[in-house]
PDB file of N, CA and C in Angstrom:
ATOM      1  N   MET A   1     -44.321  13.327  69.563  1.00  0.00           N
ATOM      2  CA  MET A   1     -43.112  13.590  70.310  1.00  0.00           C
ATOM      3  C   MET A   1     -41.918  13.138  69.483  1.00  0.00           C
ATOM      4  N   LYS A   2     -40.911  13.964  69.485  1.00  0.00           N
ATOM      5  CA  LYS A   2     -39.697  13.664  68.737  1.00  0.00           C
ATOM      6  C   LYS A   2     -38.584  13.330  69.718  1.00  0.00           C
ATOM      7  N   THR A   3     -37.605  12.599  69.247  1.00  0.00           N
ATOM      8  CA  THR A   3     -36.448  12.293  70.084  1.00  0.00           C
ATOM      9  C   THR A   3     -35.196  12.846  69.438  1.00  0.00           C
ATOM     10  N   ILE A   4     -34.219  13.113  70.285  1.00  0.00           N
ATOM     11  CA  ILE A   4     -32.932  13.608  69.818  1.00  0.00           C
ATOM     12  C   ILE A   4     -31.853  12.931  70.648  1.00  0.00           C
ATOM     13  N   CYS A   5     -30.790  12.495  69.992  1.00  0.00           N
ATOM     14  CA  CYS A   5     -29.705  11.862  70.739  1.00  0.00           C
ATOM     15  C   CYS A   5     -28.872  12.968  71.412  1.00  0.00           C
ATOM     16  N   PRO A   6     -28.217  12.653  72.513  1.00  0.00           N
ATOM     17  CA  PRO A   6     -27.456  13.667  73.239  1.00  0.00           C
ATOM     18  C   PRO A   6     -26.412  14.381  72.389  1.00  0.00           C
ATOM     19  N   LYS A   7     -25.698  13.635  71.543  1.00  0.00           N
ATOM     20  CA  LYS A   7     -24.658  14.257  70.716  1.00  0.00           C
ATOM     21  C   LYS A   7     -25.258  15.266  69.748  1.00  0.00           C
ATOM     22  N   GLU A   8     -26.338  14.901  69.089  1.00  0.00           N
ATOM     23  CA  GLU A   8     -26.994  15.829  68.164  1.00  0.00           C
ATOM     24  C   GLU A   8     -27.508  17.059  68.903  1.00  0.00           C
ATOM     25  N   CYS A   9     -28.054  16.859  70.091  1.00  0.00           N
ATOM     26  CA  CYS A   9     -28.547  17.975  70.892  1.00  0.00           C
ATOM     27  C   CYS A   9     -27.410  18.942  71.212  1.00  0.00           C
ATOM     28  N   LYS A  10     -26.290  18.403  71.663  1.00  0.00           N
ATOM     29  CA  LYS A  10     -25.131  19.250  71.978  1.00  0.00           C
ATOM     30  C   LYS A  10     -24.660  20.004  70.734  1.00  0.00           C
ATOM     31  N   ASP A  11     -24.605  19.320  69.597  1.00  0.00           N
ATOM     32  CA  ASP A  11     -24.186  19.963  68.346  1.00  0.00           C
ATOM     33  C   ASP A  11     -25.134  21.089  67.945  1.00  0.00           C
ATOM     34  N   ARG A  12     -26.429  20.859  68.114  1.00  0.00           N
ATOM     35  CA  ARG A  12     -27.409  21.887  67.755  1.00  0.00           C
ATOM     36  C   ARG A  12     -27.326  23.085  68.700  1.00  0.00           C
ATOM     37  N   ILE A  13     -27.036  22.838  69.963  1.00  0.00           N
ATOM     38  CA  ILE A  13     -26.827  23.936  70.916  1.00  0.00           C
ATOM     39  C   ILE A  13     -25.609  24.746  70.488  1.00  0.00           C
ATOM     40  N   ALA A  14     -24.524  24.050  70.140  1.00  0.00           N
ATOM     41  CA  ALA A  14     -23.288  24.722  69.727  1.00  0.00           C
ATOM     42  C   ALA A  14     -23.487  25.564  68.475  1.00  0.00           C
ATOM     43  N   LYS A  15     -24.393  25.135  67.593  1.00  0.00           N
ATOM     44  CA  LYS A  15     -24.685  25.890  66.372  1.00  0.00           C
ATOM     45  C   LYS A  15     -25.580  27.099  66.634  1.00  0.00           C
ATOM     46  N   GLY A  16     -26.083  27.211  67.864  1.00  0.00           N
ATOM     47  CA  GLY A  16     -26.923  28.351  68.203  1.00  0.00           C
ATOM     48  C   GLY A  16     -28.384  28.198  67.813  1.00  0.00           C
ATOM     49  N   GLU A  17     -28.821  26.963  67.602  1.00  0.00           N
ATOM     50  CA  GLU A  17     -30.221  26.749  67.256  1.00  0.00           C
ATOM     51  C   GLU A  17     -31.121  27.141  68.421  1.00  0.00           C
ATOM     52  N   ASN A  18     -32.340  27.428  68.097  1.00  0.00           N
ATOM     53  CA  ASN A  18     -33.325  27.925  69.062  1.00  0.00           C
ATOM     54  C   ASN A  18     -33.899  26.782  69.907  1.00  0.00           C
ATOM     55  N   LEU A  19     -33.061  26.202  70.753  1.00  0.00           N
ATOM     56  CA  LEU A  19     -33.473  25.112  71.626  1.00  0.00           C
ATOM     57  C   LEU A  19     -33.549  25.600  73.063  1.00  0.00           C
ATOM     58  N   GLU A  20     -34.546  25.146  73.769  1.00  0.00           N
ATOM     59  CA  GLU A  20     -34.621  25.414  75.194  1.00  0.00           C
ATOM     60  C   GLU A  20     -34.632  24.067  75.897  1.00  0.00           C
ATOM     61  N   ILE A  21     -33.522  23.756  76.573  1.00  0.00           N
ATOM     62  CA  ILE A  21     -33.372  22.478  77.252  1.00  0.00           C
ATOM     63  C   ILE A  21     -33.963  22.621  78.649  1.00  0.00           C
ATOM     64  N   ILE A  22     -34.935  21.763  78.959  1.00  0.00           N
ATOM     65  CA  ILE A  22     -35.601  21.780  80.260  1.00  0.00           C
ATOM     66  C   ILE A  22     -35.290  20.477  80.979  1.00  0.00           C
ATOM     67  N   ASP A  23     -34.606  20.592  82.107  1.00  0.00           N
ATOM     68  CA  ASP A  23     -34.289  19.430  82.939  1.00  0.00           C
ATOM     69  C   ASP A  23     -35.416  19.281  83.952  1.00  0.00           C
ATOM     70  N   ILE A  24     -36.142  18.173  83.888  1.00  0.00           N
ATOM     71  CA  ILE A  24     -37.322  17.995  84.735  1.00  0.00           C
ATOM     72  C   ILE A  24     -37.062  17.116  85.963  1.00  0.00           C
ATOM     73  N   ARG A  25     -35.802  16.786  86.192  1.00  0.00           N
ATOM     74  CA  ARG A  25     -35.482  15.961  87.355  1.00  0.00           C
ATOM     75  C   ARG A  25     -35.725  16.751  88.639  1.00  0.00           C
ATOM     76  N   GLU A  26     -35.722  16.066  89.754  1.00  0.00           N
ATOM     77  CA  GLU A  26     -35.880  16.720  91.054  1.00  0.00           C
ATOM     78  C   GLU A  26     -34.665  17.592  91.334  1.00  0.00           C
ATOM     79  N   LEU A  27     -34.816  18.551  92.233  1.00  0.00           N
ATOM     80  CA  LEU A  27     -33.749  19.504  92.527  1.00  0.00           C
ATOM     81  C   LEU A  27     -32.467  18.811  92.979  1.00  0.00           C
ATOM     82  N   TYR A  28     -32.582  17.805  93.839  1.00  0.00           N
ATOM     83  CA  TYR A  28     -31.370  17.130  94.311  1.00  0.00           C
ATOM     84  C   TYR A  28     -30.638  16.447  93.151  1.00  0.00           C
ATOM     85  N   GLU A  29     -31.374  15.930  92.162  1.00  0.00           N
ATOM     86  CA  GLU A  29     -30.746  15.318  90.989  1.00  0.00           C
ATOM     87  C   GLU A  29     -30.052  16.377  90.143  1.00  0.00           C
ATOM     88  N   TYR A  30     -30.741  17.480  89.941  1.00  0.00           N
ATOM     89  CA  TYR A  30     -30.189  18.577  89.146  1.00  0.00           C
ATOM     90  C   TYR A  30     -28.944  19.148  89.813  1.00  0.00           C
ATOM     91  N   ASN A  31     -28.999  19.336  91.133  1.00  0.00           N
ATOM     92  CA  ASN A  31     -27.851  19.880  91.861  1.00  0.00           C
ATOM     93  C   ASN A  31     -26.654  18.937  91.831  1.00  0.00           C
ATOM     94  N   GLN A  32     -26.903  17.646  91.766  1.00  0.00           N
ATOM     95  CA  GLN A  32     -25.823  16.667  91.723  1.00  0.00           C
ATOM     96  C   GLN A  32     -25.030  16.795  90.427  1.00  0.00           C
ATOM     97  N   CYS A  33     -25.734  16.952  89.321  1.00  0.00           N
ATOM     98  CA  CYS A  33     -25.082  17.190  88.033  1.00  0.00           C
ATOM     99  C   CYS A  33     -26.111  17.736  87.055  1.00  0.00           C
ATOM    100  N   ASN A  34     -25.650  18.614  86.201  1.00  0.00           N
ATOM    101  CA  ASN A  34     -26.521  19.148  85.161  1.00  0.00           C
ATOM    102  C   ASN A  34     -25.668  19.632  84.003  1.00  0.00           C
ATOM    103  N   ILE A  35     -26.322  19.941  82.901  1.00  0.00           N
ATOM    104  CA  ILE A  35     -25.603  20.390  81.705  1.00  0.00           C
ATOM    105  C   ILE A  35     -25.806  21.883  81.464  1.00  0.00           C
ATOM    106  N   GLY A  36     -26.244  22.596  82.492  1.00  0.00           N
ATOM    107  CA  GLY A  36     -26.476  24.031  82.356  1.00  0.00           C
ATOM    108  C   GLY A  36     -27.830  24.384  81.774  1.00  0.00           C
ATOM    109  N   SER A  37     -28.713  23.417  81.748  1.00  0.00           N
ATOM    110  CA  SER A  37     -30.053  23.642  81.205  1.00  0.00           C
ATOM    111  C   SER A  37     -30.951  24.290  82.251  1.00  0.00           C
ATOM    112  N   ARG A  38     -32.099  24.706  81.803  1.00  0.00           N
ATOM    113  CA  ARG A  38     -33.089  25.293  82.716  1.00  0.00           C
ATOM    114  C   ARG A  38     -33.726  24.176  83.544  1.00  0.00           C
ATOM    115  N   HIS A  39     -33.914  24.423  84.812  1.00  0.00           N
ATOM    116  CA  HIS A  39     -34.499  23.411  85.694  1.00  0.00           C
ATOM    117  C   HIS A  39     -35.946  23.752  86.009  1.00  0.00           C
ATOM    118  N   ILE A  40     -36.848  22.880  85.596  1.00  0.00           N
ATOM    119  CA  ILE A  40     -38.255  22.942  85.982  1.00  0.00           C
ATOM    120  C   ILE A  40     -38.648  21.513  86.353  1.00  0.00           C
ATOM    121  N   PRO A  41     -38.801  21.226  87.635  1.00  0.00           N
ATOM    122  CA  PRO A  41     -39.163  19.861  88.025  1.00  0.00           C
ATOM    123  C   PRO A  41     -40.463  19.414  87.362  1.00  0.00           C
ATOM    124  N   MET A  42     -40.557  18.130  87.132  1.00  0.00           N
ATOM    125  CA  MET A  42     -41.741  17.555  86.490  1.00  0.00           C
ATOM    126  C   MET A  42     -43.022  18.010  87.176  1.00  0.00           C
ATOM    127  N   SER A  43     -43.009  18.066  88.490  1.00  0.00           N
ATOM    128  CA  SER A  43     -44.210  18.426  89.246  1.00  0.00           C
ATOM    129  C   SER A  43     -44.632  19.881  89.048  1.00  0.00           C
ATOM    130  N   GLU A  44     -43.752  20.716  88.478  1.00  0.00           N
ATOM    131  CA  GLU A  44     -44.056  22.132  88.293  1.00  0.00           C
ATOM    132  C   GLU A  44     -44.277  22.516  86.833  1.00  0.00           C
ATOM    133  N   ILE A  45     -44.179  21.559  85.922  1.00  0.00           N
ATOM    134  CA  ILE A  45     -44.211  21.897  84.498  1.00  0.00           C
ATOM    135  C   ILE A  45     -45.544  22.510  84.067  1.00  0.00           C
ATOM    136  N   ILE A  46     -46.640  22.058  84.621  1.00  0.00           N
ATOM    137  CA  ILE A  46     -47.945  22.616  84.237  1.00  0.00           C
ATOM    138  C   ILE A  46     -48.048  24.080  84.625  1.00  0.00           C
ATOM    139  N   GLU A  47     -47.633  24.421  85.826  1.00  0.00           N
ATOM    140  CA  GLU A  47     -47.752  25.815  86.254  1.00  0.00           C
ATOM    141  C   GLU A  47     -46.701  26.720  85.632  1.00  0.00           C
ATOM    142  N   LYS A  48     -45.562  26.179  85.196  1.00  0.00           N
ATOM    143  CA  LYS A  48     -44.485  27.020  84.670  1.00  0.00           C
ATOM    144  C   LYS A  48     -44.314  26.962  83.159  1.00  0.00           C
ATOM    145  N   HIS A  49     -45.088  26.155  82.458  1.00  0.00           N
ATOM    146  CA  HIS A  49     -44.893  26.040  81.018  1.00  0.00           C
ATOM    147  C   HIS A  49     -45.137  27.363  80.290  1.00  0.00           C
ATOM    148  N   LYS A  50     -45.908  28.247  80.877  1.00  0.00           N
ATOM    149  CA  LYS A  50     -46.175  29.538  80.233  1.00  0.00           C
ATOM    150  C   LYS A  50     -44.956  30.452  80.227  1.00  0.00           C
ATOM    151  N   GLU A  51     -43.943  30.110  81.023  1.00  0.00           N
ATOM    152  CA  GLU A  51     -42.692  30.874  81.035  1.00  0.00           C
ATOM    153  C   GLU A  51     -41.817  30.538  79.827  1.00  0.00           C
ATOM    154  N   LEU A  52     -42.142  29.470  79.129  1.00  0.00           N
ATOM    155  CA  LEU A  52     -41.354  29.020  77.986  1.00  0.00           C
ATOM    156  C   LEU A  52     -41.835  29.704  76.714  1.00  0.00           C
ATOM    157  N   ASP A  53     -40.919  29.962  75.808  1.00  0.00           N
ATOM    158  CA  ASP A  53     -41.238  30.616  74.539  1.00  0.00           C
ATOM    159  C   ASP A  53     -41.724  29.575  73.533  1.00  0.00           C
ATOM    160  N   VAL A  54     -42.949  29.712  73.063  1.00  0.00           N
ATOM    161  CA  VAL A  54     -43.518  28.742  72.124  1.00  0.00           C
ATOM    162  C   VAL A  54     -42.783  28.729  70.784  1.00  0.00           C
ATOM    163  N   LYS A  55     -41.986  29.749  70.513  1.00  0.00           N
ATOM    164  CA  LYS A  55     -41.213  29.794  69.274  1.00  0.00           C
ATOM    165  C   LYS A  55     -39.981  28.889  69.336  1.00  0.00           C
ATOM    166  N   ASN A  56     -39.555  28.561  70.536  1.00  0.00           N
ATOM    167  CA  ASN A  56     -38.389  27.695  70.703  1.00  0.00           C
ATOM    168  C   ASN A  56     -38.769  26.233  70.542  1.00  0.00           C
ATOM    169  N   GLN A  57     -37.783  25.443  70.191  1.00  0.00           N
ATOM    170  CA  GLN A  57     -37.939  24.003  70.252  1.00  0.00           C
ATOM    171  C   GLN A  57     -37.638  23.610  71.696  1.00  0.00           C
ATOM    172  N   ILE A  58     -38.564  22.943  72.328  1.00  0.00           N
ATOM    173  CA  ILE A  58     -38.423  22.547  73.722  1.00  0.00           C
ATOM    174  C   ILE A  58     -37.837  21.140  73.767  1.00  0.00           C
ATOM    175  N   VAL A  59     -36.743  20.983  74.505  1.00  0.00           N
ATOM    176  CA  VAL A  59     -36.092  19.685  74.640  1.00  0.00           C
ATOM    177  C   VAL A  59     -36.143  19.299  76.114  1.00  0.00           C
ATOM    178  N   ILE A  60     -36.763  18.161  76.399  1.00  0.00           N
ATOM    179  CA  ILE A  60     -36.966  17.703  77.765  1.00  0.00           C
ATOM    180  C   ILE A  60     -35.898  16.677  78.121  1.00  0.00           C
ATOM    181  N   LEU A  61     -35.300  16.872  79.292  1.00  0.00           N
ATOM    182  CA  LEU A  61     -34.227  16.005  79.779  1.00  0.00           C
ATOM    183  C   LEU A  61     -34.576  15.494  81.167  1.00  0.00           C
ATOM    184  N   CYS A  62     -34.404  14.202  81.374  1.00  0.00           N
ATOM    185  CA  CYS A  62     -34.565  13.617  82.710  1.00  0.00           C
ATOM    186  C   CYS A  62     -33.416  12.628  82.932  1.00  0.00           C
ATOM    187  N   ARG A  63     -33.572  11.707  83.849  1.00  0.00           N
ATOM    188  CA  ARG A  63     -32.480  10.767  84.146  1.00  0.00           C
ATOM    189  C   ARG A  63     -32.275   9.749  83.026  1.00  0.00           C
ATOM    190  N   SER A  64     -33.359   9.085  82.594  1.00  0.00           N
ATOM    191  CA  SER A  64     -33.192   8.038  81.583  1.00  0.00           C
ATOM    192  C   SER A  64     -34.145   8.183  80.395  1.00  0.00           C
ATOM    193  N   GLY A  65     -35.052   9.108  80.455  1.00  0.00           N
ATOM    194  CA  GLY A  65     -35.957   9.359  79.340  1.00  0.00           C
ATOM    195  C   GLY A  65     -37.418   9.071  79.616  1.00  0.00           C
ATOM    196  N   LYS A  66     -37.736   8.317  80.648  1.00  0.00           N
ATOM    197  CA  LYS A  66     -39.127   7.929  80.915  1.00  0.00           C
ATOM    198  C   LYS A  66     -39.977   9.122  81.360  1.00  0.00           C
ATOM    199  N   ARG A  67     -39.502   9.879  82.324  1.00  0.00           N
ATOM    200  CA  ARG A  67     -40.260  11.053  82.777  1.00  0.00           C
ATOM    201  C   ARG A  67     -40.382  12.077  81.647  1.00  0.00           C
ATOM    202  N   ALA A  68     -39.348  12.191  80.834  1.00  0.00           N
ATOM    203  CA  ALA A  68     -39.367  13.143  79.717  1.00  0.00           C
ATOM    204  C   ALA A  68     -40.473  12.810  78.729  1.00  0.00           C
ATOM    205  N   GLU A  69     -40.704  11.524  78.486  1.00  0.00           N
ATOM    206  CA  GLU A  69     -41.777  11.119  77.585  1.00  0.00           C
ATOM    207  C   GLU A  69     -43.127  11.613  78.093  1.00  0.00           C
ATOM    208  N   ALA A  70     -43.371  11.446  79.381  1.00  0.00           N
ATOM    209  CA  ALA A  70     -44.648  11.879  79.967  1.00  0.00           C
ATOM    210  C   ALA A  70     -44.819  13.390  79.843  1.00  0.00           C
ATOM    211  N   VAL A  71     -43.770  14.142  80.142  1.00  0.00           N
ATOM    212  CA  VAL A  71     -43.846  15.604  80.066  1.00  0.00           C
ATOM    213  C   VAL A  71     -44.003  16.066  78.623  1.00  0.00           C
ATOM    214  N   ALA A  72     -43.282  15.456  77.704  1.00  0.00           N
ATOM    215  CA  ALA A  72     -43.398  15.838  76.291  1.00  0.00           C
ATOM    216  C   ALA A  72     -44.814  15.590  75.785  1.00  0.00           C
ATOM    217  N   ASN A  73     -45.387  14.452  76.132  1.00  0.00           N
ATOM    218  CA  ASN A  73     -46.776  14.174  75.735  1.00  0.00           C
ATOM    219  C   ASN A  73     -47.723  15.214  76.304  1.00  0.00           C
ATOM    220  N   LEU A  74     -47.537  15.557  77.551  1.00  0.00           N
ATOM    221  CA  LEU A  74     -48.382  16.562  78.197  1.00  0.00           C
ATOM    222  C   LEU A  74     -48.262  17.910  77.482  1.00  0.00           C
ATOM    223  N   LEU A  75     -47.041  18.342  77.211  1.00  0.00           N
ATOM    224  CA  LEU A  75     -46.846  19.631  76.541  1.00  0.00           C
ATOM    225  C   LEU A  75     -47.436  19.635  75.135  1.00  0.00           C
ATOM    226  N   GLU A  76     -47.301  18.534  74.425  1.00  0.00           N
ATOM    227  CA  GLU A  76     -47.837  18.477  73.063  1.00  0.00           C
ATOM    228  C   GLU A  76     -49.355  18.476  73.031  1.00  0.00           C
ATOM    229  N   PHE A  77     -49.982  17.783  73.964  1.00  0.00           N
ATOM    230  CA  PHE A  77     -51.429  17.609  73.898  1.00  0.00           C
ATOM    231  C   PHE A  77     -52.221  18.586  74.758  1.00  0.00           C
ATOM    232  N   GLU A  78     -51.589  19.233  75.704  1.00  0.00           N
ATOM    233  CA  GLU A  78     -52.317  20.129  76.610  1.00  0.00           C
ATOM    234  C   GLU A  78     -51.907  21.591  76.473  1.00  0.00           C
ATOM    235  N   THR A  79     -50.927  21.883  75.644  1.00  0.00           N
ATOM    236  CA  THR A  79     -50.462  23.266  75.486  1.00  0.00           C
ATOM    237  C   THR A  79     -50.314  23.586  74.003  1.00  0.00           C
ATOM    238  N   GLN A  80     -49.783  24.757  73.719  1.00  0.00           N
ATOM    239  CA  GLN A  80     -49.617  25.214  72.344  1.00  0.00           C
ATOM    240  C   GLN A  80     -48.263  24.842  71.743  1.00  0.00           C
ATOM    241  N   PHE A  81     -47.417  24.085  72.465  1.00  0.00           N
ATOM    242  CA  PHE A  81     -46.094  23.735  71.960  1.00  0.00           C
ATOM    243  C   PHE A  81     -46.192  22.689  70.858  1.00  0.00           C
ATOM    244  N   LYS A  82     -45.516  22.962  69.756  1.00  0.00           N
ATOM    245  CA  LYS A  82     -45.532  22.044  68.618  1.00  0.00           C
ATOM    246  C   LYS A  82     -44.195  21.339  68.430  1.00  0.00           C
ATOM    247  N   GLU A  83     -43.114  21.948  68.873  1.00  0.00           N
ATOM    248  CA  GLU A  83     -41.778  21.370  68.732  1.00  0.00           C
ATOM    249  C   GLU A  83     -41.283  20.927  70.102  1.00  0.00           C
ATOM    250  N   VAL A  84     -41.647  19.713  70.488  1.00  0.00           N
ATOM    251  CA  VAL A  84     -41.228  19.160  71.774  1.00  0.00           C
ATOM    252  C   VAL A  84     -40.416  17.900  71.503  1.00  0.00           C
ATOM    253  N   TRP A  85     -39.224  17.870  72.052  1.00  0.00           N
ATOM    254  CA  TRP A  85     -38.296  16.763  71.866  1.00  0.00           C
ATOM    255  C   TRP A  85     -37.946  16.172  73.232  1.00  0.00           C
ATOM    256  N   ILE A  86     -37.502  14.933  73.238  1.00  0.00           N
ATOM    257  CA  ILE A  86     -36.909  14.364  74.454  1.00  0.00           C
ATOM    258  C   ILE A  86     -35.503  13.891  74.109  1.00  0.00           C
ATOM    259  N   VAL A  87     -34.616  14.013  75.090  1.00  0.00           N
ATOM    260  CA  VAL A  87     -33.248  13.513  74.916  1.00  0.00           C
ATOM    261  C   VAL A  87     -33.283  12.005  75.150  1.00  0.00           C
ATOM    262  N   GLU A  88     -32.955  11.250  74.115  1.00  0.00           N
ATOM    263  CA  GLU A  88     -32.936   9.789  74.212  1.00  0.00           C
ATOM    264  C   GLU A  88     -31.972   9.347  75.307  1.00  0.00           C
ATOM    265  N   GLY A  89     -32.482   8.599  76.258  1.00  0.00           N
ATOM    266  CA  GLY A  89     -31.631   8.066  77.315  1.00  0.00           C
ATOM    267  C   GLY A  89     -31.331   9.039  78.433  1.00  0.00           C
ATOM    268  N   GLY A  90     -31.824  10.274  78.335  1.00  0.00           N
ATOM    269  CA  GLY A  90     -31.668  11.264  79.398  1.00  0.00           C
ATOM    270  C   GLY A  90     -30.223  11.613  79.740  1.00  0.00           C
ATOM    271  N   ILE A  91     -30.037  12.055  80.977  1.00  0.00           N
ATOM    272  CA  ILE A  91     -28.712  12.500  81.432  1.00  0.00           C
ATOM    273  C   ILE A  91     -27.734  11.331  81.479  1.00  0.00           C
ATOM    274  N   LYS A  92     -28.244  10.113  81.663  1.00  0.00           N
ATOM    275  CA  LYS A  92     -27.371   8.938  81.663  1.00  0.00           C
ATOM    276  C   LYS A  92     -26.726   8.767  80.289  1.00  0.00           C
ATOM    277  N   ALA A  93     -27.493   8.916  79.239  1.00  0.00           N
ATOM    278  CA  ALA A  93     -26.957   8.807  77.885  1.00  0.00           C
ATOM    279  C   ALA A  93     -26.048   9.993  77.569  1.00  0.00           C
ATOM    280  N   TRP A  94     -26.389  11.169  78.104  1.00  0.00           N
ATOM    281  CA  TRP A  94     -25.537  12.351  77.890  1.00  0.00           C
ATOM    282  C   TRP A  94     -24.150  12.070  78.461  1.00  0.00           C
ATOM    283  N   LYS A  95     -24.111  11.464  79.636  1.00  0.00           N
ATOM    284  CA  LYS A  95     -22.824  11.113  80.251  1.00  0.00           C
ATOM    285  C   LYS A  95     -22.064  10.116  79.371  1.00  0.00           C
ATOM    286  N   GLU A  96     -22.747   9.107  78.871  1.00  0.00           N
ATOM    287  CA  GLU A  96     -22.108   8.071  78.059  1.00  0.00           C
ATOM    288  C   GLU A  96     -21.606   8.604  76.722  1.00  0.00           C
ATOM    289  N   ARG A  97     -22.362   9.496  76.094  1.00  0.00           N
ATOM    290  CA  ARG A  97     -22.059   9.889  74.712  1.00  0.00           C
ATOM    291  C   ARG A  97     -21.444  11.273  74.545  1.00  0.00           C
ATOM    292  N   VAL A  98     -21.575  12.125  75.583  1.00  0.00           N
ATOM    293  CA  VAL A  98     -21.122  13.510  75.423  1.00  0.00           C
ATOM    294  C   VAL A  98     -20.105  13.909  76.495  1.00  0.00           C
ATOM    295  N   ASP A  99     -20.436  13.685  77.764  1.00  0.00           N
ATOM    296  CA  ASP A  99     -19.591  14.185  78.849  1.00  0.00           C
ATOM    297  C   ASP A  99     -19.433  13.139  79.957  1.00  0.00           C
ATOM    298  N   PRO A 100     -18.397  12.312  79.855  1.00  0.00           N
ATOM    299  CA  PRO A 100     -18.192  11.255  80.857  1.00  0.00           C
ATOM    300  C   PRO A 100     -17.809  11.783  82.238  1.00  0.00           C
ATOM    301  N   THR A 101     -17.566  13.075  82.368  1.00  0.00           N
ATOM    302  CA  THR A 101     -17.201  13.628  83.680  1.00  0.00           C
ATOM    303  C   THR A 101     -18.419  13.884  84.571  1.00  0.00           C
ATOM    304  N   LEU A 102     -19.613  13.795  84.018  1.00  0.00           N
ATOM    305  CA  LEU A 102     -20.813  14.026  84.822  1.00  0.00           C
ATOM    306  C   LEU A 102     -20.923  12.967  85.922  1.00  0.00           C
ATOM    307  N   ASN A 103     -21.273  13.399  87.110  1.00  0.00           N
ATOM    308  CA  ASN A 103     -21.431  12.499  88.246  1.00  0.00           C
ATOM    309  C   ASN A 103     -22.927  12.352  88.533  1.00  0.00           C
ATOM    310  N   ILE A 104     -23.532  11.301  87.988  1.00  0.00           N
ATOM    311  CA  ILE A 104     -24.971  11.139  88.153  1.00  0.00           C
ATOM    312  C   ILE A 104     -25.356  10.114  89.220  1.00  0.00           C
ATOM    313  N   GLU A 105     -24.408   9.500  89.824  1.00  0.00           N
ATOM    314  CA  GLU A 105     -24.706   8.463  90.831  1.00  0.00           C
ATOM    315  C   GLU A 105     -24.837   9.058  92.207  1.00  0.00           C
TER     316      GLU A 105
END
């Protein structure tokens, strides 16, 4: 599993790199604030992972990074995905380092 800091992730998105950001938080968390990423709750990742393009680099985002680690490990060891990243510090770090206007509380 690889990690990426929020600022680098945002920069790579802006450059048009082949990243697919997956927010695995619960729906109420995602609805409260999000960065425009695709929402697949952690509980649905096994059944929906086939909807993701294996050619993309998959970047997993959660609140603080703990749930993302579990999902990234699962995707790496139980599926065909080879490029799985987690956002260090999750949406909380994204707020601190990229977009302080996010309302995550």
